[in-house]
Protein backbone atom coordinates (compact mmCIF):
# COMPACT_ATOMS: atom_id res chain seq x y z
CA MET A 1 2.80 -0.30 19.95
CA SER A 2 6.37 -1.02 18.86
CA LEU A 3 9.21 -3.50 19.19
CA ASP A 4 12.26 -2.78 21.29
CA GLN A 5 15.13 -1.61 19.13
CA GLU A 6 17.26 -4.75 19.45
CA THR A 7 14.42 -7.07 18.44
CA PHE A 8 13.38 -4.76 15.63
CA GLN A 9 16.92 -4.68 14.26
CA LEU A 10 16.94 -8.49 14.12
CA LEU A 11 13.66 -8.41 12.18
CA LYS A 12 14.94 -5.73 9.83
CA ASP A 13 18.13 -7.70 9.17
CA SER A 14 16.02 -10.77 8.36
CA VAL A 15 13.88 -8.78 5.94
CA GLN A 16 16.98 -7.35 4.24
CA ARG A 17 18.38 -10.85 3.73
CA PHE A 18 15.02 -12.13 2.52
CA VAL A 19 14.77 -9.32 -0.04
CA ARG A 20 18.33 -9.79 -1.26
CA GLU A 21 18.56 -13.59 -1.25
CA ARG A 22 14.97 -14.71 -1.90
CA LEU A 23 12.97 -11.97 -3.61
CA MET A 24 15.44 -10.26 -5.95
CA PRO A 25 16.44 -13.57 -7.62
CA ALA A 26 12.73 -14.29 -8.28
CA GLU A 27 11.96 -10.94 -9.96
CA ASP A 28 12.28 -12.28 -13.51
CA ASP A 29 10.03 -15.23 -12.73
CA VAL A 30 7.30 -12.91 -11.41
CA GLU A 31 7.64 -10.66 -14.45
CA GLU A 32 7.36 -13.61 -16.84
CA HIS A 33 4.50 -15.49 -15.17
CA ASP A 34 2.57 -12.59 -13.58
CA GLU A 35 2.38 -14.49 -10.30
CA VAL A 36 4.21 -14.53 -6.97
CA PRO A 37 5.27 -18.16 -6.37
CA ALA A 38 3.37 -19.95 -3.61
CA ASP A 39 6.54 -21.01 -1.82
CA ILE A 40 7.59 -17.37 -1.50
CA VAL A 41 4.18 -16.53 -0.01
CA ASP A 42 4.72 -19.35 2.50
CA ASP A 43 8.12 -17.91 3.37
CA MET A 44 6.50 -14.50 3.93
CA LYS A 45 4.07 -16.10 6.36
CA GLU A 46 6.89 -17.79 8.23
CA LEU A 47 8.78 -14.50 8.49
CA GLY A 48 5.68 -12.83 9.93
CA LEU A 49 5.31 -10.25 7.18
CA PHE A 50 1.51 -10.50 7.05
CA GLY A 51 1.22 -9.30 10.62
CA ILE A 52 3.89 -6.66 11.15
CA SER A 53 1.33 -3.92 11.89
CA ILE A 54 -0.97 -6.06 14.08
CA PRO A 55 -0.39 -6.17 17.86
CA GLU A 56 1.17 -9.20 19.48
CA GLN A 57 -2.04 -9.97 21.38
CA TYR A 58 -3.63 -10.84 18.03
CA GLY A 59 -0.67 -12.85 16.75
CA GLY A 60 1.16 -10.05 14.94
CA ILE A 61 4.54 -8.41 15.48
CA GLY A 62 3.20 -5.00 16.50
CA LEU A 63 5.50 -2.52 14.79
CA SER A 64 5.11 1.20 15.22
CA MET A 65 4.42 3.29 12.12
CA ALA A 66 8.05 4.40 12.00
CA GLN A 67 9.25 0.79 12.22
CA GLU A 68 6.73 -0.34 9.59
CA CYS A 69 8.08 2.35 7.26
CA GLU A 70 11.60 0.96 7.67
CA VAL A 71 10.36 -2.51 6.69
CA ALA A 72 8.40 -1.06 3.75
CA TYR A 73 11.59 0.70 2.62
CA GLU A 74 13.37 -2.66 2.48
CA LEU A 75 10.49 -4.36 0.65
CA GLY A 76 10.44 -1.48 -1.82
CA GLN A 77 13.88 -2.46 -3.08
CA THR A 78 12.53 -5.40 -5.07
CA ALA A 79 9.60 -5.98 -7.43
CA LEU A 80 6.57 -4.29 -5.91
CA ALA A 81 4.43 -7.41 -6.46
CA PHE A 82 6.04 -9.05 -3.44
CA ARG A 83 4.99 -6.28 -1.10
CA SER A 84 1.53 -6.25 -2.65
CA VAL A 85 0.90 -9.81 -1.45
CA VAL A 86 1.10 -8.69 2.18
CA GLY A 87 0.19 -5.04 1.68
CA THR A 88 -3.56 -5.16 2.30
CA ASN A 89 -3.13 -7.40 5.37
CA ILE A 90 -0.58 -4.97 6.80
CA GLY A 91 -2.53 -1.85 5.96
CA ILE A 92 -5.82 -0.84 4.43
CA GLY A 93 -7.51 -4.24 4.74
CA SER A 94 -6.82 -4.81 8.44
CA GLN A 95 -6.36 -1.40 9.99
CA GLY A 96 -10.03 -0.43 9.99
CA ILE A 97 -10.78 -3.50 12.10
CA LEU A 98 -7.81 -2.80 14.37
CA MET A 99 -8.64 0.88 14.87
CA ASP A 100 -12.44 0.82 15.04
CA GLY A 101 -13.57 -2.82 15.27
CA THR A 102 -15.41 -4.33 18.20
CA PRO A 103 -13.47 -6.64 20.55
CA GLY A 104 -15.25 -9.60 18.95
CA GLN A 105 -14.33 -8.51 15.42
CA LYS A 106 -10.71 -8.05 16.39
CA ALA A 107 -10.54 -11.45 18.06
CA GLU A 108 -12.20 -13.20 15.13
CA TYR A 109 -10.32 -11.68 12.22
CA LEU A 110 -6.98 -10.17 13.28
CA PRO A 111 -5.18 -13.42 14.25
CA ARG A 112 -5.99 -14.98 10.86
CA ILE A 113 -4.97 -11.80 9.05
CA ALA A 114 -1.68 -11.63 10.97
CA SER A 115 -0.80 -15.24 10.12
CA GLY A 116 -1.65 -14.81 6.44
CA ASP A 117 -4.29 -17.53 6.64
CA LEU A 118 -6.86 -14.87 5.73
CA LEU A 119 -6.09 -12.35 2.99
CA ILE A 120 -8.23 -9.26 3.36
CA SER A 121 -8.79 -6.48 0.82
CA PHE A 122 -10.03 -2.90 1.07
CA ALA A 123 -13.04 -2.20 -1.15
CA LEU A 124 -13.74 1.54 -1.40
CA THR A 125 -13.18 2.64 -5.03
CA GLU A 126 -16.08 2.34 -7.49
CA PRO A 127 -16.54 2.95 -11.22
CA ASP A 128 -17.95 6.44 -10.47
CA ALA A 129 -16.32 7.07 -7.10
CA GLY A 130 -12.53 7.12 -7.02
CA SER A 131 -11.03 10.32 -5.70
CA ASP A 132 -14.51 11.41 -4.59
CA ALA A 133 -14.91 8.49 -2.19
CA ALA A 134 -17.83 10.11 -0.36
CA ALA A 135 -19.90 9.76 -3.55
CA LEU A 136 -19.88 5.96 -3.53
CA LYS A 137 -23.10 4.27 -4.70
CA THR A 138 -22.84 0.74 -3.32
CA ARG A 139 -25.84 0.48 -1.02
CA ALA A 140 -26.53 -1.64 2.05
CA VAL A 141 -30.24 -1.93 2.87
CA ALA A 142 -31.33 -3.15 6.30
CA ASP A 143 -33.27 -6.43 6.24
CA GLY A 144 -34.01 -7.67 9.75
CA SER A 145 -30.71 -8.32 11.51
CA ASP A 146 -28.85 -8.26 8.18
CA TYR A 147 -27.98 -5.87 5.39
CA LEU A 148 -28.34 -6.58 1.67
CA ILE A 149 -25.43 -5.03 -0.21
CA THR A 150 -25.59 -4.21 -3.92
CA GLY A 151 -22.99 -2.40 -6.04
CA SER A 152 -19.61 -2.66 -7.72
CA LYS A 153 -16.07 -1.96 -6.54
CA ARG A 154 -13.20 -1.32 -8.93
CA PHE A 155 -9.41 -1.86 -8.96
CA ILE A 156 -9.51 -3.80 -5.68
CA THR A 157 -6.01 -4.93 -4.76
CA ASN A 158 -5.71 -8.62 -3.85
CA ALA A 159 -9.40 -9.23 -4.58
CA PRO A 160 -8.63 -12.47 -6.50
CA ARG A 161 -6.76 -13.76 -3.44
CA ALA A 162 -8.99 -12.31 -0.72
CA GLY A 163 -10.98 -14.30 1.80
CA ALA A 164 -12.73 -11.16 3.05
CA PHE A 165 -13.15 -7.47 2.30
CA THR A 166 -13.26 -4.33 4.38
CA LEU A 167 -16.01 -2.83 2.25
CA MET A 168 -17.62 0.62 2.31
CA ALA A 169 -21.32 0.89 1.49
CA ARG A 170 -24.03 3.49 1.89
CA THR A 171 -26.46 2.75 4.72
CA GLY A 172 -27.80 6.29 5.02
CA GLY A 173 -28.23 9.48 3.05
CA PRO A 174 -25.80 11.25 0.71
CA GLY A 175 -22.27 12.26 1.64
CA ALA A 176 -19.72 10.87 4.05
CA ALA A 177 -22.12 10.56 7.00
CA GLY A 178 -24.17 7.90 5.21
CA ILE A 179 -21.28 5.45 4.70
CA SER A 180 -20.65 2.36 6.82
CA ALA A 181 -17.73 -0.07 6.84
CA PHE A 182 -18.53 -3.80 6.63
CA ILE A 183 -16.48 -6.97 6.94
CA VAL A 184 -17.68 -9.02 3.97
CA PRO A 185 -16.50 -12.66 3.58
CA ALA A 186 -15.56 -13.45 -0.02
CA GLY A 187 -17.64 -16.60 -0.38
CA LEU A 188 -21.07 -15.13 0.26
CA PRO A 189 -23.83 -15.74 -2.33
CA GLY A 190 -24.17 -12.82 -4.73
CA LEU A 191 -20.53 -11.72 -4.49
CA SER A 192 -18.52 -12.23 -7.68
CA LEU A 193 -15.22 -11.08 -9.13
CA GLY A 194 -14.55 -9.48 -12.48
CA ARG A 195 -11.71 -10.42 -14.81
CA ALA A 196 -8.20 -9.79 -13.53
CA ASP A 197 -6.99 -6.36 -14.63
CA LYS A 198 -4.16 -6.20 -17.17
CA LYS A 199 -1.99 -3.37 -15.95
CA MET A 200 0.84 -1.26 -17.31
CA GLY A 201 3.23 -2.58 -14.68
CA GLN A 202 3.46 -4.32 -11.32
CA ARG A 203 3.09 -7.77 -12.84
CA GLY A 204 2.34 -10.30 -10.11
CA THR A 205 -0.02 -7.94 -8.30
CA LYS A 206 -3.69 -8.89 -8.50
CA THR A 207 -6.57 -6.44 -8.92
CA CYS A 208 -10.10 -6.80 -10.25
CA ASP A 209 -13.68 -5.60 -9.82
CA VAL A 210 -15.83 -6.90 -6.97
CA ASN A 211 -19.54 -7.13 -7.79
CA LEU A 212 -22.27 -7.48 -5.17
CA ASP A 213 -25.88 -8.44 -5.90
CA GLN A 214 -28.06 -8.52 -2.80
CA VAL A 215 -25.21 -9.94 -0.71
CA ARG A 216 -26.57 -10.71 2.76
CA VAL A 217 -24.21 -9.57 5.52
CA PRO A 218 -25.05 -9.59 9.25
CA ALA A 219 -25.41 -6.18 10.87
CA ALA A 220 -22.84 -7.49 13.37
CA ASN A 221 -20.29 -7.21 10.55
CA ILE A 222 -20.42 -3.41 10.57
CA ILE A 223 -16.98 -2.38 11.80
CA GLY A 224 -17.40 -1.01 15.30
CA GLY A 225 -21.02 -2.10 15.36
CA GLU A 226 -22.30 1.37 14.46
CA ALA A 227 -23.56 2.50 11.06
CA GLY A 228 -22.47 5.81 9.55
CA LYS A 229 -18.84 5.72 10.76
CA GLY A 230 -17.30 4.07 7.72
CA PHE A 231 -15.96 7.14 5.97
CA LYS A 232 -14.08 8.26 9.08
CA THR A 233 -12.64 4.77 9.39
CA ALA A 234 -11.52 4.82 5.76
CA MET A 235 -9.79 8.19 6.14
CA LYS A 236 -7.87 7.05 9.22
CA VAL A 237 -6.81 3.92 7.38
CA LEU A 238 -5.62 5.93 4.39
CA ASP A 239 -3.43 8.21 6.55
CA ARG A 240 -1.50 5.14 7.62
CA GLY A 241 -1.49 3.66 4.14
CA ARG A 242 -0.06 6.83 2.63
CA LEU A 243 2.93 6.72 4.94
CA HIS A 244 3.52 3.06 4.09
CA VAL A 245 3.39 3.80 0.34
CA SER A 246 5.73 6.76 0.85
CA ALA A 247 8.32 4.50 2.46
CA LEU A 248 7.82 1.97 -0.32
CA ALA A 249 8.51 4.69 -2.91
CA CYS A 250 11.75 5.59 -1.16
CA GLY A 251 12.86 1.96 -1.16
CA MET A 252 12.23 1.64 -4.87
CA ALA A 253 14.08 4.91 -5.51
CA GLN A 254 17.04 3.42 -3.62
CA ARG A 255 16.98 0.29 -5.81
CA ILE A 256 16.76 2.29 -9.05
CA LEU A 257 19.58 4.57 -7.94
CA HIS A 258 21.73 1.56 -6.98
CA ASP A 259 21.17 -0.06 -10.38
CA SER A 260 21.84 3.23 -12.16
CA VAL A 261 25.15 3.75 -10.37
CA ALA A 262 26.18 0.16 -11.13
CA TYR A 263 25.38 0.65 -14.82
CA ALA A 264 27.23 3.98 -14.91
CA GLN A 265 30.29 2.26 -13.48
CA GLN A 266 30.50 -0.49 -16.09
CA ARG A 267 29.09 1.13 -19.26
CA LYS A 268 31.73 2.88 -21.39
CA GLN A 269 31.42 5.53 -24.10
CA PHE A 270 34.12 7.66 -25.67
CA GLY A 271 36.71 5.50 -23.94
CA GLN A 272 35.57 6.03 -20.36
CA ARG A 273 32.84 5.08 -17.91
CA ILE A 274 29.66 7.07 -18.42
CA GLY A 275 29.62 7.65 -14.66
CA ASP A 276 32.68 9.85 -15.10
CA PHE A 277 30.69 12.30 -17.23
CA GLN A 278 29.46 15.26 -15.23
CA LEU A 279 25.97 15.28 -16.75
CA VAL A 280 25.44 11.66 -15.71
CA GLN A 281 26.77 12.48 -12.26
CA ALA A 282 24.30 15.37 -12.09
CA MET A 283 21.37 12.99 -12.68
CA LEU A 284 22.66 10.64 -10.01
CA ALA A 285 23.14 13.56 -7.60
CA ASP A 286 19.59 14.83 -8.13
CA SER A 287 18.20 11.39 -7.45
CA GLN A 288 20.30 10.95 -4.30
CA ALA A 289 19.29 14.34 -2.89
CA GLU A 290 15.59 13.82 -3.59
CA LEU A 291 15.69 10.34 -2.06
CA LEU A 292 17.28 11.62 1.14
CA ALA A 293 14.78 14.48 1.35
CA GLY A 294 11.84 12.15 0.80
CA TRP A 295 13.00 9.57 3.33
CA SER A 296 13.59 12.27 5.96
CA LEU A 297 10.05 13.52 5.40
CA VAL A 298 8.60 10.01 5.75
CA GLN A 299 10.49 9.36 8.98
CA ALA A 300 9.39 12.67 10.51
CA ALA A 301 5.74 12.11 9.55
CA ALA A 302 5.81 8.52 10.83
CA HIS A 303 7.15 9.60 14.22
CA ARG A 304 4.44 12.28 14.37
CA TYR A 305 1.88 9.57 13.57
CA ASP A 306 3.18 7.39 16.41
CA ALA A 307 2.88 10.28 18.87
CA LYS A 308 -0.89 10.70 18.36
CA PRO A 309 -3.54 8.56 20.09
CA PHE A 310 -3.71 5.23 18.29
CA ASP A 311 -7.32 5.27 17.07
CA SER A 312 -7.74 9.01 16.54
CA SER A 313 -7.45 11.28 13.52
CA ASP A 314 -5.05 14.23 13.74
CA PRO A 315 -5.39 16.87 10.96
CA GLU A 316 -1.69 17.71 11.21
CA VAL A 317 -0.75 14.04 10.81
CA SER A 318 -3.11 13.73 7.83
CA MET A 319 -1.49 16.76 6.21
CA GLN A 320 2.03 15.43 6.79
CA ALA A 321 1.08 11.99 5.47
CA SER A 322 -0.25 13.67 2.33
CA CYS A 323 2.95 15.71 1.99
CA ALA A 324 5.03 12.54 2.27
CA LYS A 325 2.87 10.63 -0.20
CA MET A 326 2.83 13.48 -2.73
CA PHE A 327 6.55 14.17 -2.59
CA THR A 328 7.93 10.63 -2.48
CA THR A 329 5.72 9.12 -5.18
CA GLU A 330 6.47 12.00 -7.53
CA MET A 331 10.13 11.76 -6.53
CA VAL A 332 10.45 8.07 -7.40
CA GLY A 333 8.92 8.80 -10.80
CA ARG A 334 11.70 11.29 -11.48
CA VAL A 335 14.34 8.88 -10.17
CA ALA A 336 13.00 6.14 -12.46
CA ASP A 337 12.99 8.51 -15.44
CA ARG A 338 16.61 9.45 -14.79
CA GLY A 339 17.45 5.76 -14.35
CA VAL A 340 16.13 5.00 -17.83
CA GLN A 341 18.04 8.01 -19.21
CA ILE A 342 21.30 6.84 -17.63
CA HIS A 343 20.80 3.39 -19.11
CA GLY A 344 20.17 4.95 -22.52
CA GLY A 345 18.64 2.63 -25.09
CA ALA A 346 19.17 -0.32 -22.74
CA GLY A 347 16.81 1.35 -20.27
CA TYR A 348 13.96 0.90 -22.74
CA ILE A 349 14.56 -2.85 -23.02
CA ASN A 350 12.76 -5.31 -20.74
CA GLU A 351 16.01 -7.18 -20.10
CA TYR A 352 17.02 -4.36 -17.73
CA LYS A 353 15.18 -4.01 -14.44
CA VAL A 354 14.97 -0.24 -14.70
CA GLU A 355 12.48 -0.58 -17.57
CA ARG A 356 9.97 -2.52 -15.49
CA PHE A 357 10.57 -0.39 -12.38
CA TYR A 358 9.81 2.69 -14.51
CA ARG A 359 6.39 1.16 -15.25
CA ASP A 360 5.86 -0.16 -11.73
CA VAL A 361 6.32 3.12 -9.88
CA ARG A 362 3.81 5.00 -12.03
CA LEU A 363 0.98 3.45 -10.04
CA LEU A 364 2.28 4.86 -6.75
CA ARG A 365 1.04 8.32 -7.76
CA LEU A 366 -2.50 6.98 -8.18
CA TYR A 367 -3.48 4.64 -5.36
CA GLU A 368 -4.03 5.64 -1.73
CA GLY A 369 -5.15 8.99 -3.18
CA THR A 370 -3.73 10.65 -6.30
CA THR A 371 -1.14 13.41 -6.17
CA GLN A 372 -3.91 15.90 -6.84
CA ILE A 373 -5.94 14.64 -3.86
CA GLN A 374 -2.87 15.06 -1.66
CA GLN A 375 -2.54 18.63 -2.88
CA LEU A 376 -6.14 19.30 -1.90
CA VAL A 377 -5.67 17.76 1.56
CA ILE A 378 -2.57 19.88 2.16
CA GLY A 379 -4.07 23.08 0.77
CA LYS A 380 -7.33 22.77 2.74
CA HIS A 381 -5.39 22.09 5.93
CA LEU A 382 -3.31 25.23 5.47
CA MET A 383 -6.39 27.34 4.82
CA ARG A 384 -8.18 25.97 7.90
CA ALA A 385 -5.10 26.44 10.06
CA ALA A 386 -4.81 30.05 8.94
């Protein structure tokens, strides 16, 4: 699944213009009002951004993982709230259906997801089950041809906007083998949303709790039609999501570095540009080298991902995705820290974009699996391989 290079380049050029001419000028508005304007969301639909990872047969664009990472890199160069609007439709919300769904589930949901008419979220994390996803407590109890789902999900991205959820619940015993993945429409009786979370950064993104009290869902809504496969589905989805977030981190590092160089060119101290001072140049050099290293890692891992069978899990790919996610999200944190340092006191003032980007990128080291979880994935893989 991929676009030919000429067509992809046209898409990439369009995304670059959209980021530069439409999204960057709206960054201050999003920061002030904590909302992505509706007309920008409509423009994203028209550009096809909600469906870049969904095959053409379901109304999407059908990018490969490597191509998706290039688009994510471009979207990363502006406020991360814009990418968040489409992020769950591109990735964790839709990919479980695409990889493991029945033909009927794919036909029913994927075209609406690709068009942006249906926003779909991924509901895995719980108050007592974050990094230890296999310990989730939300339970789905069989009742005739339905299941009754009860539990709570936490920090669910795009939940306030979502029309449906890819939701993990326990249908069997303890551990990963007892977890099933459901497609849960948002308007069902017994499903309610908590208050919108007030976050450190990423204003304009929407997250909140999702509470379920005896929510009746047809057994036909189990992804793939078979109970007990949900944890495997979630892990395959997260491999892809980690590569997307890694590319996003590189894009944001590029934006911060660009702004830092621009500031170093115009800001003067002691009668000369601060960019002429070797210690400032050293910070810029470290950021440039780490960005190039991170982006090379993402590209290599994405091409490895594309080489594996589409709906399968490859331990080597999982390990490389974790390496990319760990390195790039830590890297962009360091780049943001240096960006603030180069800006000096101005870097601590909200008037300068580097201050908000410094807050925004902190979340990248937490979602799609924390840095520490990536370390465990990598370490366990090396021990098994040995």
